[in-house]
Structure formats: structure tokens, C-alpha cells
Amino acid sequence: MAISPELLEILRCPKCKSKVKIKTDETGLRCTNAECALVYPIRDEIPVMLVEEATVEK
């Protein structure tokens, strides 16, 4: 995974502004807010931080 720990500290969920973390399968970034629960895809090692592209995963 090419996403650095420094970048993960900066990135926030665009919807609720909570932190995000890498999914265990490394296919996306999951919002840490349980009420939001959005997962932003990672495409070609680039996180797509658009609410319209996110999926809900509870």
C-alpha cells in the first residue's frame, strides 16, 4: 500500500470529518465514525475521497 501514515493522519471523511483507516483488504479507506460508515475506494493507489464514490459498509 502506497498510502503513507503521514497522509492517513491528514485525510478525513469529507462527509463527517472523522479520521479514516485502511481496510484490511487494502481496497479502500473506512471512516472511523460508526454512524457514517462510508468506505472510499482506492484506485491505482490513489484514494478517491468523494462522497459520491463511497459505499456504506456496516
C-alpha atoms as a PDB file:
ATOM      1  CA  MET A   1       0.000   0.000   0.000  1.00  0.00           C
ATOM      2  CA  ALA A   2       1.430   3.310  -1.066  1.00  0.00           C
ATOM      3  CA  ILE A   3      -0.569   5.453   1.377  1.00  0.00           C
ATOM      4  CA  SER A   4       1.827   6.741   3.986  1.00  0.00           C
ATOM      5  CA  PRO A   5       0.988   7.026   7.696  1.00  0.00           C
ATOM      6  CA  GLU A   6       1.517  10.785   7.388  1.00  0.00           C
ATOM      7  CA  LEU A   7      -1.151  11.036   4.689  1.00  0.00           C
ATOM      8  CA  LEU A   8      -3.565   8.929   6.740  1.00  0.00           C
ATOM      9  CA  GLU A   9      -3.176  11.404   9.613  1.00  0.00           C
ATOM     10  CA  ILE A  10      -4.215  14.246   7.298  1.00  0.00           C
ATOM     11  CA  LEU A  11      -7.079  12.568   5.407  1.00  0.00           C
ATOM     12  CA  ARG A  12     -10.590  12.959   6.809  1.00  0.00           C
ATOM     13  CA  CYS A  13     -14.002  11.740   5.734  1.00  0.00           C
ATOM     14  CA  PRO A  14     -15.456  14.511   3.557  1.00  0.00           C
ATOM     15  CA  LYS A  15     -18.953  13.850   4.925  1.00  0.00           C
ATOM     16  CA  CYS A  16     -18.418  13.846   8.709  1.00  0.00           C
ATOM     17  CA  LYS A  17     -14.759  14.963   9.064  1.00  0.00           C
ATOM     18  CA  SER A  18     -13.739  11.869  11.074  1.00  0.00           C
ATOM     19  CA  LYS A  19     -10.438  10.051  10.584  1.00  0.00           C
ATOM     20  CA  VAL A  20     -10.174   7.246   8.048  1.00  0.00           C
ATOM     21  CA  LYS A  21      -8.219   3.999   8.174  1.00  0.00           C
ATOM     22  CA  ILE A  22      -7.156   1.485   5.545  1.00  0.00           C
ATOM     23  CA  LYS A  23      -9.432  -1.554   5.195  1.00  0.00           C
ATOM     24  CA  THR A  24      -7.746  -4.863   5.963  1.00  0.00           C
ATOM     25  CA  ASP A  25      -8.003  -5.898   2.303  1.00  0.00           C
ATOM     26  CA  GLU A  26      -6.454  -2.516   1.296  1.00  0.00           C
ATOM     27  CA  THR A  27      -9.206  -1.746  -1.239  1.00  0.00           C
ATOM     28  CA  GLY A  28     -10.470   1.369   0.466  1.00  0.00           C
ATOM     29  CA  LEU A  29     -10.402   3.825   3.342  1.00  0.00           C
ATOM     30  CA  ARG A  30     -13.062   3.354   6.004  1.00  0.00           C
ATOM     31  CA  CYS A  31     -14.473   6.249   8.013  1.00  0.00           C
ATOM     32  CA  THR A  32     -13.895   5.611  11.731  1.00  0.00           C
ATOM     33  CA  ASN A  33     -17.269   7.141  12.670  1.00  0.00           C
ATOM     34  CA  ALA A  34     -19.662   4.195  13.128  1.00  0.00           C
ATOM     35  CA  GLU A  35     -22.681   6.365  12.277  1.00  0.00           C
ATOM     36  CA  CYS A  36     -21.154   7.419   8.947  1.00  0.00           C
ATOM     37  CA  ALA A  37     -19.535   4.076   7.945  1.00  0.00           C
ATOM     38  CA  LEU A  38     -18.530   5.215   4.449  1.00  0.00           C
ATOM     39  CA  VAL A  39     -15.750   3.439   2.574  1.00  0.00           C
ATOM     40  CA  TYR A  40     -13.818   5.429  -0.013  1.00  0.00           C
ATOM     41  CA  PRO A  41     -12.248   3.334  -2.788  1.00  0.00           C
ATOM     42  CA  ILE A  42      -8.544   3.245  -3.565  1.00  0.00           C
ATOM     43  CA  ARG A  43      -7.912   3.182  -7.322  1.00  0.00           C
ATOM     44  CA  ASP A  44      -4.409   2.860  -8.745  1.00  0.00           C
ATOM     45  CA  GLU A  45      -3.051   3.555  -5.228  1.00  0.00           C
ATOM     46  CA  ILE A  46      -4.971   6.871  -5.059  1.00  0.00           C
ATOM     47  CA  PRO A  47      -7.763   7.329  -2.500  1.00  0.00           C
ATOM     48  CA  VAL A  48     -10.954   8.632  -4.101  1.00  0.00           C
ATOM     49  CA  MET A  49     -12.280  10.893  -1.333  1.00  0.00           C
ATOM     50  CA  LEU A  50     -15.622  11.751  -2.932  1.00  0.00           C
ATOM     51  CA  VAL A  51     -18.876  11.070  -1.080  1.00  0.00           C
ATOM     52  CA  GLU A  52     -20.482  10.176  -4.418  1.00  0.00           C
ATOM     53  CA  GLU A  53     -17.924   7.376  -4.932  1.00  0.00           C
ATOM     54  CA  ALA A  54     -18.147   5.982  -1.385  1.00  0.00           C
ATOM     55  CA  THR A  55     -20.105   2.919  -0.328  1.00  0.00           C
ATOM     56  CA  VAL A  56     -21.772   2.246   3.019  1.00  0.00           C
ATOM     57  CA  GLU A  57     -20.320  -0.660   4.962  1.00  0.00           C
ATOM     58  CA  LYS A  58     -21.656  -1.505   8.416  1.00  0.00           C
END
